[in-house]
Amino acid sequence: MPQNSVLLFLTERCNLSCRHCYVWAEPGSGPAMPLETFDLALNLCCQLGIEDVSLAGGEPTIHPKFGLMVREVAQRGLRARLITNGISLIRRDQLENTLRYLDMCWLSVYGPTEAVHQSVSRGQSLPLCELVETVGKFTRKGYMIGVSVLITPDSIDHIGDFLDVAESKGVRRVRLLPLQPDGRATVEMNYSWETWPGDLSALRRKLRSDRREQFEILTMNSPFAQEDWEVEGRASCLLNNRRLWSVVPDGDVFTCCFTAFEEEHRVGNVHEDDLADRLARWTLDSIPHAPCKGVTDEFWNLGANGRVRCPLTSVGLKGVDSIVGEIALPWEL
């Protein structure tokens, strides 16, 4: 069973303005989390017995106190995870100093080819080859680092070739994150979503048959019931067997990463003295609204059949059961 987690949105700003971003993060907009609020959020983790902390945004590494924050998570004895586009880390020689405090770091690429990668990031990201080589380099040094790869309908056929290159460069951990029909994707990417669930299922079957034993982690986010689970609506929500609290920069707490910043899903603020006690009593059925827009037909545009899973779950592509449930943060590729 996946462990309970807290997701900290350190900032709403990003140094990119990617075409797929559903939180609409971009340069020059949005607040950063004050250190006092950050400290209270870590206190909340300790009070709730939650040891897993994911640092997100926006782009978390552009927070002016990021270095201090990632060290503080580790010094509290908590497991720190990070997903980053790498821009503010790699070329400033900060990556190794950060990796020493992290239990896992995912570097983001926005497509399996340079053309797609740069198209999605509007030509602002680091070169694809530099990101892949960096992950391979630090993997060989023994750090827990991997690459998260956005899959789009026009790039799905290139995944096999990308994995061949990644494997040759020493990459051993890969997450495949299907594009979501939300946020900027709906207005800037003119894709047809009708065949997308079937296309992803076909890719999953192909990669499983390839085996690819050199990879320690090879997963695909599974929002479309790729294992053919007959589940509907709330029954498919990962919150049925775990807790994933999201804390935004002003300290407001939400029930899940997909509900962050939505007022109807706000459950409190870390500055409130009784918050930990209230969250400890929280159950999935104690809130009146569906806990996650990721389990609604409207979000995934699948019609009325209800066959949808929480997009935070992942399908292991090597036949390794323990990989299912790997924490995945699809908005922050």
C-alpha atoms as a PDB file:
ATOM      1  CA  MET A   1       0.000   0.000   0.000  1.00  0.00           C
ATOM      2  CA  PRO A   2       1.394   3.442  -0.872  1.00  0.00           C
ATOM      3  CA  GLN A   3       2.453   5.527   2.084  1.00  0.00           C
ATOM      4  CA  ASN A   4       0.688   8.696   3.157  1.00  0.00           C
ATOM      5  CA  SER A   5       2.282  11.839   1.778  1.00  0.00           C
ATOM      6  CA  VAL A   6       2.326  15.607   1.867  1.00  0.00           C
ATOM      7  CA  LEU A   7       2.851  17.585  -1.318  1.00  0.00           C
ATOM      8  CA  LEU A   8       4.329  21.048  -0.832  1.00  0.00           C
ATOM      9  CA  PHE A   9       3.747  23.609  -3.569  1.00  0.00           C
ATOM     10  CA  LEU A  10       6.782  25.773  -2.782  1.00  0.00           C
ATOM     11  CA  THR A  11       5.870  28.335  -5.422  1.00  0.00           C
ATOM     12  CA  GLU A  12       3.254  28.997  -8.065  1.00  0.00           C
ATOM     13  CA  ARG A  13       5.913  30.409 -10.399  1.00  0.00           C
ATOM     14  CA  CYS A  14       7.879  28.494 -13.007  1.00  0.00           C
ATOM     15  CA  ASN A  15      10.798  29.344 -15.257  1.00  0.00           C
ATOM     16  CA  LEU A  16       8.896  27.745 -18.133  1.00  0.00           C
ATOM     17  CA  SER A  17       5.392  28.234 -19.526  1.00  0.00           C
ATOM     18  CA  CYS A  18       4.835  24.797 -21.034  1.00  0.00           C
ATOM     19  CA  ARG A  19       1.919  24.196 -23.373  1.00  0.00           C
ATOM     20  CA  HIS A  20       0.560  21.288 -21.321  1.00  0.00           C
ATOM     21  CA  CYS A  21       0.610  22.821 -17.822  1.00  0.00           C
ATOM     22  CA  TYR A  22      -2.767  22.499 -16.095  1.00  0.00           C
ATOM     23  CA  VAL A  23      -1.876  24.731 -13.157  1.00  0.00           C
ATOM     24  CA  TRP A  24      -0.941  27.472 -15.637  1.00  0.00           C
ATOM     25  CA  ALA A  25       2.388  28.158 -13.944  1.00  0.00           C
ATOM     26  CA  GLU A  26       4.678  30.611 -15.707  1.00  0.00           C
ATOM     27  CA  PRO A  27       7.489  33.098 -15.018  1.00  0.00           C
ATOM     28  CA  GLY A  28       6.745  36.167 -12.966  1.00  0.00           C
ATOM     29  CA  SER A  29       3.417  35.075 -11.501  1.00  0.00           C
ATOM     30  CA  GLY A  30       2.350  33.621  -8.178  1.00  0.00           C
ATOM     31  CA  PRO A  31       3.606  33.667  -4.582  1.00  0.00           C
ATOM     32  CA  ALA A  32       6.341  31.631  -2.896  1.00  0.00           C
ATOM     33  CA  MET A  33       5.857  29.761   0.380  1.00  0.00           C
ATOM     34  CA  PRO A  34       7.257  31.684   3.396  1.00  0.00           C
ATOM     35  CA  LEU A  35       9.716  29.804   5.593  1.00  0.00           C
ATOM     36  CA  GLU A  36       7.328  30.020   8.549  1.00  0.00           C
ATOM     37  CA  THR A  37       4.596  28.313   6.536  1.00  0.00           C
ATOM     38  CA  PHE A  38       7.068  25.699   5.284  1.00  0.00           C
ATOM     39  CA  ASP A  39       8.132  24.947   8.862  1.00  0.00           C
ATOM     40  CA  LEU A  40       4.508  24.570   9.964  1.00  0.00           C
ATOM     41  CA  ALA A  41       3.860  22.212   7.056  1.00  0.00           C
ATOM     42  CA  LEU A  42       6.734  19.999   8.188  1.00  0.00           C
ATOM     43  CA  ASN A  43       5.367  20.132  11.729  1.00  0.00           C
ATOM     44  CA  LEU A  44       2.059  18.910  10.311  1.00  0.00           C
ATOM     45  CA  CYS A  45       3.823  15.964   8.673  1.00  0.00           C
ATOM     46  CA  CYS A  46       5.416  15.013  11.975  1.00  0.00           C
ATOM     47  CA  GLN A  47       2.125  15.335  13.877  1.00  0.00           C
ATOM     48  CA  LEU A  48       0.319  13.115  11.367  1.00  0.00           C
ATOM     49  CA  GLY A  49       3.131  10.560  11.205  1.00  0.00           C
ATOM     50  CA  ILE A  50       3.722  11.277   7.504  1.00  0.00           C
ATOM     51  CA  GLU A  51       7.327  10.736   6.438  1.00  0.00           C
ATOM     52  CA  ASP A  52       7.029  11.242   2.664  1.00  0.00           C
ATOM     53  CA  VAL A  53       7.302  14.842   1.379  1.00  0.00           C
ATOM     54  CA  SER A  54       7.192  15.827  -2.279  1.00  0.00           C
ATOM     55  CA  LEU A  55       8.440  19.262  -3.330  1.00  0.00           C
ATOM     56  CA  ALA A  56       6.499  20.721  -6.219  1.00  0.00           C
ATOM     57  CA  GLY A  57       5.332  23.922  -7.877  1.00  0.00           C
ATOM     58  CA  GLY A  58       5.521  25.679 -10.299  1.00  0.00           C
ATOM     59  CA  GLU A  59       9.205  24.917 -10.409  1.00  0.00           C
ATOM     60  CA  PRO A  60      10.242  24.308  -6.790  1.00  0.00           C
ATOM     61  CA  THR A  61      13.953  24.890  -7.333  1.00  0.00           C
ATOM     62  CA  ILE A  62      13.449  28.578  -8.177  1.00  0.00           C
ATOM     63  CA  HIS A  63      12.208  29.285  -4.652  1.00  0.00           C
ATOM     64  CA  PRO A  64      14.833  31.632  -3.139  1.00  0.00           C
ATOM     65  CA  LYS A  65      15.148  29.361  -0.079  1.00  0.00           C
ATOM     66  CA  PHE A  66      15.000  26.040  -1.924  1.00  0.00           C
ATOM     67  CA  GLY A  67      18.403  24.805  -0.760  1.00  0.00           C
ATOM     68  CA  LEU A  68      17.538  25.460   2.865  1.00  0.00           C
ATOM     69  CA  MET A  69      14.133  23.825   2.449  1.00  0.00           C
ATOM     70  CA  VAL A  70      15.352  20.567   0.945  1.00  0.00           C
ATOM     71  CA  ARG A  71      17.993  20.244   3.672  1.00  0.00           C
ATOM     72  CA  GLU A  72      15.385  20.891   6.358  1.00  0.00           C
ATOM     73  CA  VAL A  73      13.150  18.094   5.063  1.00  0.00           C
ATOM     74  CA  ALA A  74      16.027  15.638   5.264  1.00  0.00           C
ATOM     75  CA  GLN A  75      17.192  16.901   8.658  1.00  0.00           C
ATOM     76  CA  ARG A  76      13.712  16.299  10.047  1.00  0.00           C
ATOM     77  CA  GLY A  77      14.116  12.636   9.114  1.00  0.00           C
ATOM     78  CA  LEU A  78      11.509  12.884   6.337  1.00  0.00           C
ATOM     79  CA  ARG A  79      11.810  11.351   2.866  1.00  0.00           C
ATOM     80  CA  ALA A  80      12.187  14.132   0.305  1.00  0.00           C
ATOM     81  CA  ARG A  81      11.156  13.788  -3.328  1.00  0.00           C
ATOM     82  CA  LEU A  82      11.596  16.363  -6.069  1.00  0.00           C
ATOM     83  CA  ILE A  83      10.353  16.825  -9.614  1.00  0.00           C
ATOM     84  CA  THR A  84      12.177  19.520 -11.537  1.00  0.00           C
ATOM     85  CA  ASN A  85      12.887  20.715 -15.048  1.00  0.00           C
ATOM     86  CA  GLY A  86      16.520  21.004 -13.956  1.00  0.00           C
ATOM     87  CA  ILE A  87      17.195  24.439 -15.405  1.00  0.00           C
ATOM     88  CA  SER A  88      18.127  26.109 -12.131  1.00  0.00           C
ATOM     89  CA  LEU A  89      20.116  23.095 -10.910  1.00  0.00           C
ATOM     90  CA  ILE A  90      22.130  21.472 -13.679  1.00  0.00           C
ATOM     91  CA  ARG A  91      24.038  24.396 -15.109  1.00  0.00           C
ATOM     92  CA  ARG A  92      24.801  25.907 -11.710  1.00  0.00           C
ATOM     93  CA  ASP A  93      26.438  22.734 -10.436  1.00  0.00           C
ATOM     94  CA  GLN A  94      23.859  22.476  -7.660  1.00  0.00           C
ATOM     95  CA  LEU A  95      22.397  19.133  -8.617  1.00  0.00           C
ATOM     96  CA  GLU A  96      24.786  16.952  -6.609  1.00  0.00           C
ATOM     97  CA  ASN A  97      24.386  19.150  -3.523  1.00  0.00           C
ATOM     98  CA  THR A  98      20.612  18.687  -3.821  1.00  0.00           C
ATOM     99  CA  LEU A  99      20.655  14.970  -4.624  1.00  0.00           C
ATOM    100  CA  ARG A 100      22.478  14.138  -1.400  1.00  0.00           C
ATOM    101  CA  TYR A 101      19.339  15.169   0.544  1.00  0.00           C
ATOM    102  CA  LEU A 102      16.761  13.507  -1.716  1.00  0.00           C
ATOM    103  CA  ASP A 103      15.230  10.049  -1.656  1.00  0.00           C
ATOM    104  CA  MET A 104      14.189  10.524  -5.274  1.00  0.00           C
ATOM    105  CA  CYS A 105      14.631  13.180  -7.942  1.00  0.00           C
ATOM    106  CA  TRP A 106      12.773  13.143 -11.242  1.00  0.00           C
ATOM    107  CA  LEU A 107      14.075  15.311 -14.084  1.00  0.00           C
ATOM    108  CA  SER A 108      11.402  16.245 -16.582  1.00  0.00           C
ATOM    109  CA  VAL A 109      11.423  15.914 -20.337  1.00  0.00           C
ATOM    110  CA  TYR A 110       8.454  16.981 -22.395  1.00  0.00           C
ATOM    111  CA  GLY A 111       8.584  14.408 -25.126  1.00  0.00           C
ATOM    112  CA  PRO A 112      10.688  11.458 -26.356  1.00  0.00           C
ATOM    113  CA  THR A 113      12.214  13.485 -29.211  1.00  0.00           C
ATOM    114  CA  GLU A 114      13.993  16.831 -29.158  1.00  0.00           C
ATOM    115  CA  ALA A 115      11.368  18.341 -31.476  1.00  0.00           C
ATOM    116  CA  VAL A 116       8.427  17.425 -29.228  1.00  0.00           C
ATOM    117  CA  HIS A 117      10.371  18.244 -26.049  1.00  0.00           C
ATOM    118  CA  GLN A 118      11.117  21.767 -27.252  1.00  0.00           C
ATOM    119  CA  SER A 119       7.671  22.277 -28.799  1.00  0.00           C
ATOM    120  CA  VAL A 120       5.871  21.563 -25.525  1.00  0.00           C
ATOM    121  CA  SER A 121       8.279  23.728 -23.502  1.00  0.00           C
ATOM    122  CA  ARG A 122       8.145  26.504 -26.128  1.00  0.00           C
ATOM    123  CA  GLY A 123      11.842  26.036 -26.825  1.00  0.00           C
ATOM    124  CA  GLN A 124      12.785  27.086 -23.287  1.00  0.00           C
ATOM    125  CA  SER A 125      13.878  23.780 -21.754  1.00  0.00           C
ATOM    126  CA  LEU A 126      17.357  22.310 -21.552  1.00  0.00           C
ATOM    127  CA  PRO A 127      18.216  20.062 -24.524  1.00  0.00           C
ATOM    128  CA  LEU A 128      16.794  16.578 -24.256  1.00  0.00           C
ATOM    129  CA  CYS A 129      20.209  14.970 -24.672  1.00  0.00           C
ATOM    130  CA  GLU A 130      21.630  17.039 -21.792  1.00  0.00           C
ATOM    131  CA  LEU A 131      18.843  15.983 -19.451  1.00  0.00           C
ATOM    132  CA  VAL A 132      19.186  12.296 -20.326  1.00  0.00           C
ATOM    133  CA  GLU A 133      22.971  12.344 -20.022  1.00  0.00           C
ATOM    134  CA  THR A 134      22.733  14.127 -16.672  1.00  0.00           C
ATOM    135  CA  VAL A 135      20.377  11.498 -15.273  1.00  0.00           C
ATOM    136  CA  GLY A 136      22.657   8.727 -16.518  1.00  0.00           C
ATOM    137  CA  LYS A 137      25.737  10.412 -15.034  1.00  0.00           C
ATOM    138  CA  PHE A 138      24.262  10.776 -11.558  1.00  0.00           C
ATOM    139  CA  THR A 139      22.653   7.347 -11.674  1.00  0.00           C
ATOM    140  CA  ARG A 140      26.130   5.888 -12.144  1.00  0.00           C
ATOM    141  CA  LYS A 141      27.283   7.910  -9.119  1.00  0.00           C
ATOM    142  CA  GLY A 142      24.676   6.108  -7.026  1.00  0.00           C
ATOM    143  CA  TYR A 143      22.044   8.826  -6.635  1.00  0.00           C
ATOM    144  CA  MET A 144      18.316   8.121  -6.803  1.00  0.00           C
ATOM    145  CA  ILE A 145      17.481  10.045  -9.949  1.00  0.00           C
ATOM    146  CA  GLY A 146      15.299   9.324 -12.949  1.00  0.00           C
ATOM    147  CA  VAL A 147      13.527  10.889 -15.870  1.00  0.00           C
ATOM    148  CA  SER A 148       9.818  11.665 -16.280  1.00  0.00           C
ATOM    149  CA  VAL A 149       8.733  11.626 -19.910  1.00  0.00           C
ATOM    150  CA  LEU A 150       5.594  13.290 -21.238  1.00  0.00           C
ATOM    151  CA  ILE A 151       3.746  11.165 -23.789  1.00  0.00           C
ATOM    152  CA  THR A 152       1.634  13.001 -26.361  1.00  0.00           C
ATOM    153  CA  PRO A 153      -0.487  11.532 -29.153  1.00  0.00           C
ATOM    154  CA  ASP A 154       2.078  12.646 -31.750  1.00  0.00           C
ATOM    155  CA  SER A 155       5.039  11.163 -29.891  1.00  0.00           C
ATOM    156  CA  ILE A 156       3.831   7.828 -28.549  1.00  0.00           C
ATOM    157  CA  ASP A 157       5.475   5.870 -31.377  1.00  0.00           C
ATOM    158  CA  HIS A 158       8.905   7.198 -30.369  1.00  0.00           C
ATOM    159  CA  ILE A 159       8.883   5.872 -26.799  1.00  0.00           C
ATOM    160  CA  GLY A 160      10.755   2.681 -27.664  1.00  0.00           C
ATOM    161  CA  ASP A 161      13.575   4.589 -29.367  1.00  0.00           C
ATOM    162  CA  PHE A 162      13.795   6.986 -26.406  1.00  0.00           C
ATOM    163  CA  LEU A 163      14.117   4.109 -23.950  1.00  0.00           C
ATOM    164  CA  ASP A 164      16.904   2.603 -26.065  1.00  0.00           C
ATOM    165  CA  VAL A 165      18.850   5.875 -25.907  1.00  0.00           C
ATOM    166  CA  ALA A 166      18.149   6.379 -22.188  1.00  0.00           C
ATOM    167  CA  GLU A 167      19.326   2.861 -21.412  1.00  0.00           C
ATOM    168  CA  SER A 168      22.535   3.407 -23.390  1.00  0.00           C
ATOM    169  CA  LYS A 169      23.259   6.570 -21.375  1.00  0.00           C
ATOM    170  CA  GLY A 170      22.935   4.788 -18.037  1.00  0.00           C
ATOM    171  CA  VAL A 171      19.389   5.840 -17.105  1.00  0.00           C
ATOM    172  CA  ARG A 172      17.736   3.196 -14.928  1.00  0.00           C
ATOM    173  CA  ARG A 173      14.537   4.894 -13.745  1.00  0.00           C
ATOM    174  CA  VAL A 174      11.845   6.142 -16.136  1.00  0.00           C
ATOM    175  CA  ARG A 175       8.270   7.297 -15.637  1.00  0.00           C
ATOM    176  CA  LEU A 176       6.004   7.760 -18.639  1.00  0.00           C
ATOM    177  CA  LEU A 177       3.377  10.446 -18.031  1.00  0.00           C
ATOM    178  CA  PRO A 178       0.497  10.611 -20.543  1.00  0.00           C
ATOM    179  CA  LEU A 179      -0.637  14.094 -21.533  1.00  0.00           C
ATOM    180  CA  GLN A 180      -3.823  15.126 -19.770  1.00  0.00           C
ATOM    181  CA  PRO A 181      -6.720  16.814 -21.588  1.00  0.00           C
ATOM    182  CA  ASP A 182      -6.797  19.784 -19.238  1.00  0.00           C
ATOM    183  CA  GLY A 183      -5.218  23.168 -18.649  1.00  0.00           C
ATOM    184  CA  ARG A 184      -3.276  24.620 -21.531  1.00  0.00           C
ATOM    185  CA  ALA A 185      -3.459  21.280 -23.350  1.00  0.00           C
ATOM    186  CA  THR A 186      -7.135  21.800 -24.130  1.00  0.00           C
ATOM    187  CA  VAL A 187      -6.628  25.211 -25.702  1.00  0.00           C
ATOM    188  CA  GLU A 188      -3.176  24.900 -27.266  1.00  0.00           C
ATOM    189  CA  MET A 189      -2.904  21.247 -28.298  1.00  0.00           C
ATOM    190  CA  ASN A 190      -5.442  20.208 -30.871  1.00  0.00           C
ATOM    191  CA  TYR A 191      -5.477  16.499 -30.136  1.00  0.00           C
ATOM    192  CA  SER A 192      -8.322  14.021 -30.342  1.00  0.00           C
ATOM    193  CA  TRP A 193      -8.685  12.220 -27.016  1.00  0.00           C
ATOM    194  CA  GLU A 194     -11.104   9.466 -28.088  1.00  0.00           C
ATOM    195  CA  THR A 195      -8.408   6.887 -28.919  1.00  0.00           C
ATOM    196  CA  TRP A 196      -5.940   7.955 -26.228  1.00  0.00           C
ATOM    197  CA  PRO A 197      -6.860   5.327 -23.581  1.00  0.00           C
ATOM    198  CA  GLY A 198      -6.547   2.516 -26.129  1.00  0.00           C
ATOM    199  CA  ASP A 199      -3.266   3.881 -27.490  1.00  0.00           C
ATOM    200  CA  LEU A 200      -1.777   3.946 -23.992  1.00  0.00           C
ATOM    201  CA  SER A 201      -2.958   0.433 -23.237  1.00  0.00           C
ATOM    202  CA  ALA A 202      -1.306  -0.781 -26.444  1.00  0.00           C
ATOM    203  CA  LEU A 203       1.942   0.946 -25.464  1.00  0.00           C
ATOM    204  CA  ARG A 204       1.808  -0.633 -22.019  1.00  0.00           C
ATOM    205  CA  ARG A 205       1.404  -4.118 -23.518  1.00  0.00           C
ATOM    206  CA  LYS A 206       4.272  -3.557 -25.930  1.00  0.00           C
ATOM    207  CA  LEU A 207       6.681  -2.321 -23.275  1.00  0.00           C
ATOM    208  CA  ARG A 208       5.810  -5.166 -20.960  1.00  0.00           C
ATOM    209  CA  SER A 209       6.544  -7.685 -23.707  1.00  0.00           C
ATOM    210  CA  ASP A 210       9.933  -5.988 -24.302  1.00  0.00           C
ATOM    211  CA  ARG A 211      10.828  -6.695 -20.634  1.00  0.00           C
ATOM    212  CA  ARG A 212      13.692  -4.113 -20.568  1.00  0.00           C
ATOM    213  CA  GLU A 213      15.372  -5.672 -17.579  1.00  0.00           C
ATOM    214  CA  GLN A 214      18.056  -2.959 -17.319  1.00  0.00           C
ATOM    215  CA  PHE A 215      15.560  -0.508 -15.835  1.00  0.00           C
ATOM    216  CA  GLU A 216      15.126  -0.480 -12.065  1.00  0.00           C
ATOM    217  CA  ILE A 217      11.904   1.542 -12.418  1.00  0.00           C
ATOM    218  CA  LEU A 218       9.786   1.692 -15.553  1.00  0.00           C
ATOM    219  CA  THR A 219       6.229   2.884 -14.960  1.00  0.00           C
ATOM    220  CA  MET A 220       3.374   4.560 -16.769  1.00  0.00           C
ATOM    221  CA  ASN A 221       0.771   6.735 -15.096  1.00  0.00           C
ATOM    222  CA  SER A 222      -2.507   4.896 -15.311  1.00  0.00           C
ATOM    223  CA  PRO A 223      -5.507   7.231 -15.531  1.00  0.00           C
ATOM    224  CA  PHE A 224      -7.427   5.143 -18.038  1.00  0.00           C
ATOM    225  CA  ALA A 225      -7.923   1.797 -16.258  1.00  0.00           C
ATOM    226  CA  GLN A 226      -5.061   0.257 -18.200  1.00  0.00           C
ATOM    227  CA  GLU A 227      -5.321  -2.892 -16.116  1.00  0.00           C
ATOM    228  CA  ASP A 228      -8.996  -3.156 -17.062  1.00  0.00           C
ATOM    229  CA  TRP A 229     -10.212  -2.570 -13.536  1.00  0.00           C
ATOM    230  CA  GLU A 230     -13.967  -2.182 -13.529  1.00  0.00           C
ATOM    231  CA  VAL A 231     -14.107   0.810 -11.230  1.00  0.00           C
ATOM    232  CA  GLU A 232     -16.270   3.888 -11.246  1.00  0.00           C
ATOM    233  CA  GLY A 233     -15.801   7.379  -9.895  1.00  0.00           C
ATOM    234  CA  ARG A 234     -14.782   7.568  -6.239  1.00  0.00           C
ATOM    235  CA  ALA A 235     -14.088   3.840  -6.049  1.00  0.00           C
ATOM    236  CA  SER A 236     -11.002   4.374  -8.207  1.00  0.00           C
ATOM    237  CA  CYS A 237      -9.573   7.155  -6.044  1.00  0.00           C
ATOM    238  CA  LEU A 238      -6.202   6.424  -4.489  1.00  0.00           C
ATOM    239  CA  LEU A 239      -7.372   8.307  -1.405  1.00  0.00           C
ATOM    240  CA  ASN A 240      -9.407   5.232  -0.508  1.00  0.00           C
ATOM    241  CA  ASN A 241      -6.226   3.674   0.901  1.00  0.00           C
ATOM    242  CA  ARG A 242      -3.894   6.584   1.559  1.00  0.00           C
ATOM    243  CA  ARG A 243      -3.749  10.299   2.317  1.00  0.00           C
ATOM    244  CA  LEU A 244      -2.122  12.859   0.064  1.00  0.00           C
ATOM    245  CA  TRP A 245      -2.415  16.341   1.548  1.00  0.00           C
ATOM    246  CA  SER A 246      -1.410  19.273  -0.645  1.00  0.00           C
ATOM    247  CA  VAL A 247      -0.136  22.501   0.917  1.00  0.00           C
ATOM    248  CA  VAL A 248      -0.030  25.618  -1.283  1.00  0.00           C
ATOM    249  CA  PRO A 249       2.225  28.646  -0.668  1.00  0.00           C
ATOM    250  CA  ASP A 250      -0.128  30.480   1.715  1.00  0.00           C
ATOM    251  CA  GLY A 251      -0.503  27.354   3.875  1.00  0.00           C
ATOM    252  CA  ASP A 252      -3.945  26.261   2.702  1.00  0.00           C
ATOM    253  CA  VAL A 253      -4.339  22.472   2.718  1.00  0.00           C
ATOM    254  CA  PHE A 254      -6.309  20.459   0.153  1.00  0.00           C
ATOM    255  CA  THR A 255      -7.326  16.815  -0.058  1.00  0.00           C
ATOM    256  CA  CYS A 256      -5.271  15.868  -3.110  1.00  0.00           C
ATOM    257  CA  CYS A 257      -2.877  17.375  -5.631  1.00  0.00           C
ATOM    258  CA  PHE A 258      -5.655  17.595  -8.231  1.00  0.00           C
ATOM    259  CA  THR A 259      -7.812  19.678  -5.916  1.00  0.00           C
ATOM    260  CA  ALA A 260      -5.104  22.122  -4.822  1.00  0.00           C
ATOM    261  CA  PHE A 261      -6.155  25.770  -5.174  1.00  0.00           C
ATOM    262  CA  GLU A 262      -9.860  24.799  -5.463  1.00  0.00           C
ATOM    263  CA  GLU A 263     -11.671  26.476  -2.584  1.00  0.00           C
ATOM    264  CA  GLU A 264     -14.393  23.831  -2.267  1.00  0.00           C
ATOM    265  CA  HIS A 265     -11.697  21.247  -1.458  1.00  0.00           C
ATOM    266  CA  ARG A 266      -9.850  23.348   1.111  1.00  0.00           C
ATOM    267  CA  VAL A 267      -9.728  21.605   4.502  1.00  0.00           C
ATOM    268  CA  GLY A 268      -7.742  24.124   6.539  1.00  0.00           C
ATOM    269  CA  ASN A 269      -4.485  26.023   6.866  1.00  0.00           C
ATOM    270  CA  VAL A 270      -1.215  25.012   8.516  1.00  0.00           C
ATOM    271  CA  HIS A 271      -1.400  28.152  10.672  1.00  0.00           C
ATOM    272  CA  GLU A 272      -4.495  26.733  12.434  1.00  0.00           C
ATOM    273  CA  ASP A 273      -3.666  25.085  15.757  1.00  0.00           C
ATOM    274  CA  ASP A 274      -6.234  22.275  15.486  1.00  0.00           C
ATOM    275  CA  LEU A 275      -5.548  21.289  11.883  1.00  0.00           C
ATOM    276  CA  ALA A 276      -3.570  18.109  12.621  1.00  0.00           C
ATOM    277  CA  ASP A 277      -6.351  16.787  14.853  1.00  0.00           C
ATOM    278  CA  ARG A 278      -8.974  17.458  12.186  1.00  0.00           C
ATOM    279  CA  LEU A 279      -6.954  15.845   9.406  1.00  0.00           C
ATOM    280  CA  ALA A 280      -6.272  12.793  11.542  1.00  0.00           C
ATOM    281  CA  ARG A 281     -10.049  12.177  11.626  1.00  0.00           C
ATOM    282  CA  TRP A 282     -10.555  12.771   7.914  1.00  0.00           C
ATOM    283  CA  THR A 283     -12.115  10.036   5.771  1.00  0.00           C
ATOM    284  CA  LEU A 284     -12.949   9.926   2.095  1.00  0.00           C
ATOM    285  CA  ASP A 285     -16.668  10.048   2.852  1.00  0.00           C
ATOM    286  CA  SER A 286     -16.415  12.990   5.239  1.00  0.00           C
ATOM    287  CA  ILE A 287     -16.269  15.613   2.475  1.00  0.00           C
ATOM    288  CA  PRO A 288     -19.309  16.362   0.305  1.00  0.00           C
ATOM    289  CA  HIS A 289     -17.478  16.754  -2.995  1.00  0.00           C
ATOM    290  CA  ALA A 290     -15.704  14.230  -5.200  1.00  0.00           C
ATOM    291  CA  PRO A 291     -12.131  14.296  -3.881  1.00  0.00           C
ATOM    292  CA  CYS A 292     -10.362  14.632  -7.206  1.00  0.00           C
ATOM    293  CA  LYS A 293     -11.230  16.006 -10.607  1.00  0.00           C
ATOM    294  CA  GLY A 294      -8.935  13.305 -11.953  1.00  0.00           C
ATOM    295  CA  VAL A 295     -11.625  10.669 -11.382  1.00  0.00           C
ATOM    296  CA  THR A 296     -14.415  12.469 -13.234  1.00  0.00           C
ATOM    297  CA  ASP A 297     -15.494  11.712 -16.782  1.00  0.00           C
ATOM    298  CA  GLU A 298     -15.490  15.419 -17.594  1.00  0.00           C
ATOM    299  CA  PHE A 299     -11.792  15.737 -16.738  1.00  0.00           C
ATOM    300  CA  TRP A 300     -10.706  12.764 -18.828  1.00  0.00           C
ATOM    301  CA  ASN A 301     -13.283  13.247 -21.580  1.00  0.00           C
ATOM    302  CA  LEU A 302     -14.198   9.562 -21.620  1.00  0.00           C
ATOM    303  CA  GLY A 303     -17.949   9.861 -21.884  1.00  0.00           C
ATOM    304  CA  ALA A 304     -20.269   8.137 -19.419  1.00  0.00           C
ATOM    305  CA  ASN A 305     -18.664   4.715 -18.923  1.00  0.00           C
ATOM    306  CA  GLY A 306     -16.883   5.731 -15.713  1.00  0.00           C
ATOM    307  CA  ARG A 307     -13.807   3.624 -16.478  1.00  0.00           C
ATOM    308  CA  VAL A 308     -11.146   5.822 -14.965  1.00  0.00           C
ATOM    309  CA  ARG A 309      -8.554   5.508 -12.205  1.00  0.00           C
ATOM    310  CA  CYS A 310      -6.707   7.953 -10.040  1.00  0.00           C
ATOM    311  CA  PRO A 311      -3.940   9.309 -12.281  1.00  0.00           C
ATOM    312  CA  LEU A 312      -1.475   9.160  -9.390  1.00  0.00           C
ATOM    313  CA  THR A 313      -1.252   5.388  -9.619  1.00  0.00           C
ATOM    314  CA  SER A 314       1.249   3.824 -11.976  1.00  0.00           C
ATOM    315  CA  VAL A 315       1.446   0.549 -13.835  1.00  0.00           C
ATOM    316  CA  GLY A 316       4.751  -1.301 -13.548  1.00  0.00           C
ATOM    317  CA  LEU A 317       5.948  -2.253 -17.028  1.00  0.00           C
ATOM    318  CA  LYS A 318       8.368  -4.966 -15.936  1.00  0.00           C
ATOM    319  CA  GLY A 319       5.824  -7.146 -14.191  1.00  0.00           C
ATOM    320  CA  VAL A 320       7.027  -5.938 -10.782  1.00  0.00           C
ATOM    321  CA  ASP A 321       3.999  -5.526  -8.522  1.00  0.00           C
ATOM    322  CA  SER A 322       5.774  -3.245  -6.061  1.00  0.00           C
ATOM    323  CA  ILE A 323       6.063  -0.526  -8.687  1.00  0.00           C
ATOM    324  CA  VAL A 324       2.285  -0.145  -8.924  1.00  0.00           C
ATOM    325  CA  GLY A 325       1.424   2.835  -6.776  1.00  0.00           C
ATOM    326  CA  GLU A 326       4.710   4.687  -7.278  1.00  0.00           C
ATOM    327  CA  ILE A 327       3.977   8.315  -6.430  1.00  0.00           C
ATOM    328  CA  ALA A 328       3.634  10.240  -9.663  1.00  0.00           C
ATOM    329  CA  LEU A 329       3.014  13.977 -10.109  1.00  0.00           C
ATOM    330  CA  PRO A 330       1.798  14.349 -13.633  1.00  0.00           C
ATOM    331  CA  TRP A 331       1.365  18.142 -13.744  1.00  0.00           C
ATOM    332  CA  GLU A 332       5.012  18.844 -12.984  1.00  0.00           C
ATOM    333  CA  LEU A 333       6.730  16.702 -15.568  1.00  0.00           C
END
